[in-house]
Amino acid sequence: MVPLKLERVNLVDEVAEIIIDILNHPEFEGRKVDFQCEQKYIELCVDKLLFQGGGKYHLQWPGA
């Protein structure tokens, strides 16, 4: 069982940060993304470390 550290976040901001992180990777830096959301705030309880792919269960880039 993985212990969760849940916290309230704005899902719109979290997704935007993840997109920025992806586009900062050299393999994807030349791409354009148009991220739009009608709602400015969507509250969600998540474990930010897991949601962003960090920690022990982090995501690996292709070819990394």
PDB file of N, CA and C in Angstrom:
ATOM      1  N   MET A   1       0.839  -1.168   0.000  1.00  0.00           N
ATOM      2  CA  MET A   1       0.000   0.000   0.000  1.00  0.00           C
ATOM      3  C   MET A   1       0.896   1.249   0.000  1.00  0.00           C
ATOM      4  N   VAL A   2       0.538   2.213  -0.817  1.00  0.00           N
ATOM      5  CA  VAL A   2       1.291   3.466  -0.926  1.00  0.00           C
ATOM      6  C   VAL A   2       0.582   4.532  -0.098  1.00  0.00           C
ATOM      7  N   PRO A   3       1.282   5.160   0.860  1.00  0.00           N
ATOM      8  CA  PRO A   3       0.639   6.229   1.624  1.00  0.00           C
ATOM      9  C   PRO A   3       0.424   7.460   0.746  1.00  0.00           C
ATOM     10  N   LEU A   4      -0.754   8.024   0.820  1.00  0.00           N
ATOM     11  CA  LEU A   4      -1.069   9.208   0.030  1.00  0.00           C
ATOM     12  C   LEU A   4      -1.021  10.454   0.901  1.00  0.00           C
ATOM     13  N   LYS A   5      -0.510  11.523   0.334  1.00  0.00           N
ATOM     14  CA  LYS A   5      -0.508  12.823   1.000  1.00  0.00           C
ATOM     15  C   LYS A   5      -1.413  13.726   0.172  1.00  0.00           C
ATOM     16  N   LEU A   6      -2.703  13.652   0.436  1.00  0.00           N
ATOM     17  CA  LEU A   6      -3.675  14.387  -0.359  1.00  0.00           C
ATOM     18  C   LEU A   6      -3.696  15.867   0.018  1.00  0.00           C
ATOM     19  N   GLU A   7      -3.819  16.701  -1.008  1.00  0.00           N
ATOM     20  CA  GLU A   7      -3.981  18.137  -0.804  1.00  0.00           C
ATOM     21  C   GLU A   7      -4.873  18.687  -1.900  1.00  0.00           C
ATOM     22  N   ARG A   8      -5.556  19.767  -1.581  1.00  0.00           N
ATOM     23  CA  ARG A   8      -6.452  20.406  -2.554  1.00  0.00           C
ATOM     24  C   ARG A   8      -5.619  21.215  -3.536  1.00  0.00           C
ATOM     25  N   VAL A   9      -5.906  20.999  -4.813  1.00  0.00           N
ATOM     26  CA  VAL A   9      -5.193  21.729  -5.856  1.00  0.00           C
ATOM     27  C   VAL A   9      -6.188  22.216  -6.899  1.00  0.00           C
ATOM     28  N   ASN A  10      -5.735  23.168  -7.701  1.00  0.00           N
ATOM     29  CA  ASN A  10      -6.505  23.621  -8.857  1.00  0.00           C
ATOM     30  C   ASN A  10      -6.055  22.762 -10.035  1.00  0.00           C
ATOM     31  N   LEU A  11      -6.924  21.896 -10.498  1.00  0.00           N
ATOM     32  CA  LEU A  11      -6.584  20.972 -11.577  1.00  0.00           C
ATOM     33  C   LEU A  11      -6.128  21.715 -12.834  1.00  0.00           C
ATOM     34  N   VAL A  12      -6.706  22.857 -13.127  1.00  0.00           N
ATOM     35  CA  VAL A  12      -6.325  23.625 -14.314  1.00  0.00           C
ATOM     36  C   VAL A  12      -4.859  24.042 -14.226  1.00  0.00           C
ATOM     37  N   ASP A  13      -4.440  24.555 -13.079  1.00  0.00           N
ATOM     38  CA  ASP A  13      -3.046  24.962 -12.892  1.00  0.00           C
ATOM     39  C   ASP A  13      -2.100  23.761 -12.938  1.00  0.00           C
ATOM     40  N   GLU A  14      -2.511  22.658 -12.322  1.00  0.00           N
ATOM     41  CA  GLU A  14      -1.651  21.464 -12.290  1.00  0.00           C
ATOM     42  C   GLU A  14      -1.412  20.913 -13.693  1.00  0.00           C
ATOM     43  N   VAL A  15      -2.462  20.852 -14.504  1.00  0.00           N
ATOM     44  CA  VAL A  15      -2.312  20.354 -15.877  1.00  0.00           C
ATOM     45  C   VAL A  15      -1.438  21.309 -16.684  1.00  0.00           C
ATOM     46  N   ALA A  16      -1.627  22.610 -16.511  1.00  0.00           N
ATOM     47  CA  ALA A  16      -0.795  23.591 -17.222  1.00  0.00           C
ATOM     48  C   ALA A  16       0.685  23.418 -16.849  1.00  0.00           C
ATOM     49  N   GLU A  17       0.983  23.193 -15.571  1.00  0.00           N
ATOM     50  CA  GLU A  17       2.375  22.986 -15.138  1.00  0.00           C
ATOM     51  C   GLU A  17       2.970  21.724 -15.756  1.00  0.00           C
ATOM     52  N   ILE A  18       2.182  20.667 -15.829  1.00  0.00           N
ATOM     53  CA  ILE A  18       2.669  19.419 -16.429  1.00  0.00           C
ATOM     54  C   ILE A  18       2.962  19.624 -17.914  1.00  0.00           C
ATOM     55  N   ILE A  19       2.101  20.350 -18.603  1.00  0.00           N
ATOM     56  CA  ILE A  19       2.328  20.637 -20.028  1.00  0.00           C
ATOM     57  C   ILE A  19       3.615  21.434 -20.207  1.00  0.00           C
ATOM     58  N   ILE A  20       3.833  22.423 -19.362  1.00  0.00           N
ATOM     59  CA  ILE A  20       5.062  23.227 -19.435  1.00  0.00           C
ATOM     60  C   ILE A  20       6.285  22.346 -19.208  1.00  0.00           C
ATOM     61  N   ASP A  21       6.216  21.457 -18.218  1.00  0.00           N
ATOM     62  CA  ASP A  21       7.334  20.548 -17.956  1.00  0.00           C
ATOM     63  C   ASP A  21       7.633  19.664 -19.163  1.00  0.00           C
ATOM     64  N   ILE A  22       6.596  19.165 -19.808  1.00  0.00           N
ATOM     65  CA  ILE A  22       6.784  18.325 -20.995  1.00  0.00           C
ATOM     66  C   ILE A  22       7.437  19.130 -22.110  1.00  0.00           C
ATOM     67  N   LEU A  23       6.954  20.330 -22.339  1.00  0.00           N
ATOM     68  CA  LEU A  23       7.497  21.153 -23.429  1.00  0.00           C
ATOM     69  C   LEU A  23       8.910  21.647 -23.144  1.00  0.00           C
ATOM     70  N   ASN A  24       9.328  21.634 -21.886  1.00  0.00           N
ATOM     71  CA  ASN A  24      10.702  22.011 -21.552  1.00  0.00           C
ATOM     72  C   ASN A  24      11.689  20.873 -21.796  1.00  0.00           C
ATOM     73  N   HIS A  25      11.174  19.685 -22.054  1.00  0.00           N
ATOM     74  CA  HIS A  25      12.038  18.546 -22.369  1.00  0.00           C
ATOM     75  C   HIS A  25      12.549  18.731 -23.801  1.00  0.00           C
ATOM     76  N   PRO A  26      13.855  18.543 -24.050  1.00  0.00           N
ATOM     77  CA  PRO A  26      14.428  18.785 -25.382  1.00  0.00           C
ATOM     78  C   PRO A  26      13.710  18.069 -26.526  1.00  0.00           C
ATOM     79  N   GLU A  27      13.165  16.905 -26.270  1.00  0.00           N
ATOM     80  CA  GLU A  27      12.489  16.145 -27.330  1.00  0.00           C
ATOM     81  C   GLU A  27      11.197  16.823 -27.799  1.00  0.00           C
ATOM     82  N   PHE A  28      10.604  17.637 -26.946  1.00  0.00           N
ATOM     83  CA  PHE A  28       9.311  18.236 -27.255  1.00  0.00           C
ATOM     84  C   PHE A  28       9.335  19.766 -27.296  1.00  0.00           C
ATOM     85  N   GLU A  29      10.502  20.394 -27.127  1.00  0.00           N
ATOM     86  CA  GLU A  29      10.560  21.841 -26.965  1.00  0.00           C
ATOM     87  C   GLU A  29      10.082  22.634 -28.177  1.00  0.00           C
ATOM     88  N   GLY A  30      10.110  22.068 -29.366  1.00  0.00           N
ATOM     89  CA  GLY A  30       9.682  22.798 -30.555  1.00  0.00           C
ATOM     90  C   GLY A  30       8.198  22.702 -30.842  1.00  0.00           C
ATOM     91  N   ARG A  31       7.463  22.019 -30.011  1.00  0.00           N
ATOM     92  CA  ARG A  31       6.032  21.811 -30.247  1.00  0.00           C
ATOM     93  C   ARG A  31       5.210  22.945 -29.668  1.00  0.00           C
ATOM     94  N   LYS A  32       4.041  23.141 -30.245  1.00  0.00           N
ATOM     95  CA  LYS A  32       3.111  24.143 -29.736  1.00  0.00           C
ATOM     96  C   LYS A  32       1.887  23.425 -29.183  1.00  0.00           C
ATOM     97  N   VAL A  33       1.419  23.907 -28.059  1.00  0.00           N
ATOM     98  CA  VAL A  33       0.241  23.345 -27.424  1.00  0.00           C
ATOM     99  C   VAL A  33      -0.697  24.484 -27.082  1.00  0.00           C
ATOM    100  N   ASP A  34      -1.959  24.320 -27.419  1.00  0.00           N
ATOM    101  CA  ASP A  34      -2.973  25.308 -27.077  1.00  0.00           C
ATOM    102  C   ASP A  34      -3.864  24.693 -26.002  1.00  0.00           C
ATOM    103  N   PHE A  35      -3.564  24.994 -24.747  1.00  0.00           N
ATOM    104  CA  PHE A  35      -4.335  24.456 -23.626  1.00  0.00           C
ATOM    105  C   PHE A  35      -5.342  25.500 -23.188  1.00  0.00           C
ATOM    106  N   GLN A  36      -6.619  25.177 -23.333  1.00  0.00           N
ATOM    107  CA  GLN A  36      -7.677  26.085 -22.910  1.00  0.00           C
ATOM    108  C   GLN A  36      -8.666  25.331 -22.045  1.00  0.00           C
ATOM    109  N   CYS A  37      -9.177  26.029 -21.072  1.00  0.00           N
ATOM    110  CA  CYS A  37     -10.184  25.446 -20.196  1.00  0.00           C
ATOM    111  C   CYS A  37     -11.198  26.536 -19.877  1.00  0.00           C
ATOM    112  N   GLU A  38     -12.463  26.240 -20.075  1.00  0.00           N
ATOM    113  CA  GLU A  38     -13.507  27.231 -19.805  1.00  0.00           C
ATOM    114  C   GLU A  38     -13.550  27.614 -18.333  1.00  0.00           C
ATOM    115  N   GLN A  39     -13.285  26.652 -17.473  1.00  0.00           N
ATOM    116  CA  GLN A  39     -13.273  26.927 -16.049  1.00  0.00           C
ATOM    117  C   GLN A  39     -11.857  27.320 -15.634  1.00  0.00           C
ATOM    118  N   LYS A  40     -11.758  28.303 -14.767  1.00  0.00           N
ATOM    119  CA  LYS A  40     -10.457  28.743 -14.275  1.00  0.00           C
ATOM    120  C   LYS A  40     -10.038  27.974 -13.034  1.00  0.00           C
ATOM    121  N   TYR A  41     -11.004  27.358 -12.364  1.00  0.00           N
ATOM    122  CA  TYR A  41     -10.688  26.663 -11.120  1.00  0.00           C
ATOM    123  C   TYR A  41     -11.503  25.382 -11.030  1.00  0.00           C
ATOM    124  N   ILE A  42     -10.812  24.265 -10.929  1.00  0.00           N
ATOM    125  CA  ILE A  42     -11.441  22.970 -10.690  1.00  0.00           C
ATOM    126  C   ILE A  42     -10.699  22.359  -9.513  1.00  0.00           C
ATOM    127  N   GLU A  43     -11.366  22.298  -8.371  1.00  0.00           N
ATOM    128  CA  GLU A  43     -10.711  21.787  -7.166  1.00  0.00           C
ATOM    129  C   GLU A  43     -10.699  20.265  -7.172  1.00  0.00           C
ATOM    130  N   LEU A  44      -9.549  19.722  -6.798  1.00  0.00           N
ATOM    131  CA  LEU A  44      -9.376  18.279  -6.756  1.00  0.00           C
ATOM    132  C   LEU A  44      -8.402  17.954  -5.640  1.00  0.00           C
ATOM    133  N   CYS A  45      -8.625  16.863  -4.948  1.00  0.00           N
ATOM    134  CA  CYS A  45      -7.689  16.402  -3.925  1.00  0.00           C
ATOM    135  C   CYS A  45      -6.800  15.328  -4.535  1.00  0.00           C
ATOM    136  N   VAL A  46      -5.502  15.593  -4.560  1.00  0.00           N
ATOM    137  CA  VAL A  46      -4.546  14.654  -5.144  1.00  0.00           C
ATOM    138  C   VAL A  46      -3.285  14.606  -4.294  1.00  0.00           C
ATOM    139  N   ASP A  47      -2.523  13.555  -4.503  1.00  0.00           N
ATOM    140  CA  ASP A  47      -1.161  13.494  -3.992  1.00  0.00           C
ATOM    141  C   ASP A  47      -0.305  14.095  -5.099  1.00  0.00           C
ATOM    142  N   LYS A  48       0.203  15.302  -4.894  1.00  0.00           N
ATOM    143  CA  LYS A  48       0.913  16.013  -5.968  1.00  0.00           C
ATOM    144  C   LYS A  48       2.125  15.255  -6.479  1.00  0.00           C
ATOM    145  N   LEU A  49       2.834  14.570  -5.607  1.00  0.00           N
ATOM    146  CA  LEU A  49       4.011  13.824  -6.029  1.00  0.00           C
ATOM    147  C   LEU A  49       3.627  12.731  -7.024  1.00  0.00           C
ATOM    148  N   LEU A  50       2.569  12.005  -6.735  1.00  0.00           N
ATOM    149  CA  LEU A  50       2.121  10.961  -7.652  1.00  0.00           C
ATOM    150  C   LEU A  50       1.472  11.552  -8.899  1.00  0.00           C
ATOM    151  N   PHE A  51       0.689  12.616  -8.729  1.00  0.00           N
ATOM    152  CA  PHE A  51      -0.007  13.243  -9.846  1.00  0.00           C
ATOM    153  C   PHE A  51       0.975  13.765 -10.885  1.00  0.00           C
ATOM    154  N   GLN A  52       2.088  14.309 -10.433  1.00  0.00           N
ATOM    155  CA  GLN A  52       3.084  14.870 -11.344  1.00  0.00           C
ATOM    156  C   GLN A  52       4.119  13.842 -11.776  1.00  0.00           C
ATOM    157  N   GLY A  53       3.950  12.603 -11.337  1.00  0.00           N
ATOM    158  CA  GLY A  53       4.858  11.544 -11.767  1.00  0.00           C
ATOM    159  C   GLY A  53       6.192  11.553 -11.054  1.00  0.00           C
ATOM    160  N   GLY A  54       6.247  12.067  -9.859  1.00  0.00           N
ATOM    161  CA  GLY A  54       7.515  12.158  -9.144  1.00  0.00           C
ATOM    162  C   GLY A  54       7.717  11.034  -8.149  1.00  0.00           C
ATOM    163  N   GLY A  55       8.834  11.113  -7.472  1.00  0.00           N
ATOM    164  CA  GLY A  55       9.138  10.150  -6.425  1.00  0.00           C
ATOM    165  C   GLY A  55       9.474   8.775  -6.959  1.00  0.00           C
ATOM    166  N   LYS A  56       9.255   7.791  -6.129  1.00  0.00           N
ATOM    167  CA  LYS A  56       9.592   6.415  -6.455  1.00  0.00           C
ATOM    168  C   LYS A  56       8.869   5.929  -7.711  1.00  0.00           C
ATOM    169  N   TYR A  57       7.711   6.500  -7.990  1.00  0.00           N
ATOM    170  CA  TYR A  57       6.890   6.035  -9.101  1.00  0.00           C
ATOM    171  C   TYR A  57       6.930   7.013 -10.272  1.00  0.00           C
ATOM    172  N   HIS A  58       8.073   7.685 -10.459  1.00  0.00           N
ATOM    173  CA  HIS A  58       8.166   8.717 -11.493  1.00  0.00           C
ATOM    174  C   HIS A  58       8.086   8.109 -12.907  1.00  0.00           C
ATOM    175  N   LEU A  59       7.695   8.946 -13.847  1.00  0.00           N
ATOM    176  CA  LEU A  59       7.589   8.535 -15.248  1.00  0.00           C
ATOM    177  C   LEU A  59       8.923   8.709 -15.946  1.00  0.00           C
ATOM    178  N   GLN A  60       9.220   7.866 -16.884  1.00  0.00           N
ATOM    179  CA  GLN A  60      10.456   7.956 -17.653  1.00  0.00           C
ATOM    180  C   GLN A  60      10.146   8.471 -19.054  1.00  0.00           C
ATOM    181  N   TRP A  61      10.970   9.378 -19.544  1.00  0.00           N
ATOM    182  CA  TRP A  61      10.836   9.864 -20.917  1.00  0.00           C
ATOM    183  C   TRP A  61      11.303   8.770 -21.877  1.00  0.00           C
ATOM    184  N   PRO A  62      10.683   8.695 -23.041  1.00  0.00           N
ATOM    185  CA  PRO A  62      11.172   7.730 -24.039  1.00  0.00           C
ATOM    186  C   PRO A  62      12.632   8.000 -24.361  1.00  0.00           C
ATOM    187  N   GLY A  63      13.441   6.965 -24.366  1.00  0.00           N
ATOM    188  CA  GLY A  63      14.858   7.113 -24.677  1.00  0.00           C
ATOM    189  C   GLY A  63      15.712   7.621 -23.533  1.00  0.00           C
ATOM    190  N   ALA A  64      15.097   7.832 -22.366  1.00  0.00           N
ATOM    191  CA  ALA A  64      15.855   8.374 -21.221  1.00  0.00           C
ATOM    192  C   ALA A  64      16.620   7.272 -20.517  1.00  0.00           C
TER     193      ALA A  64
END
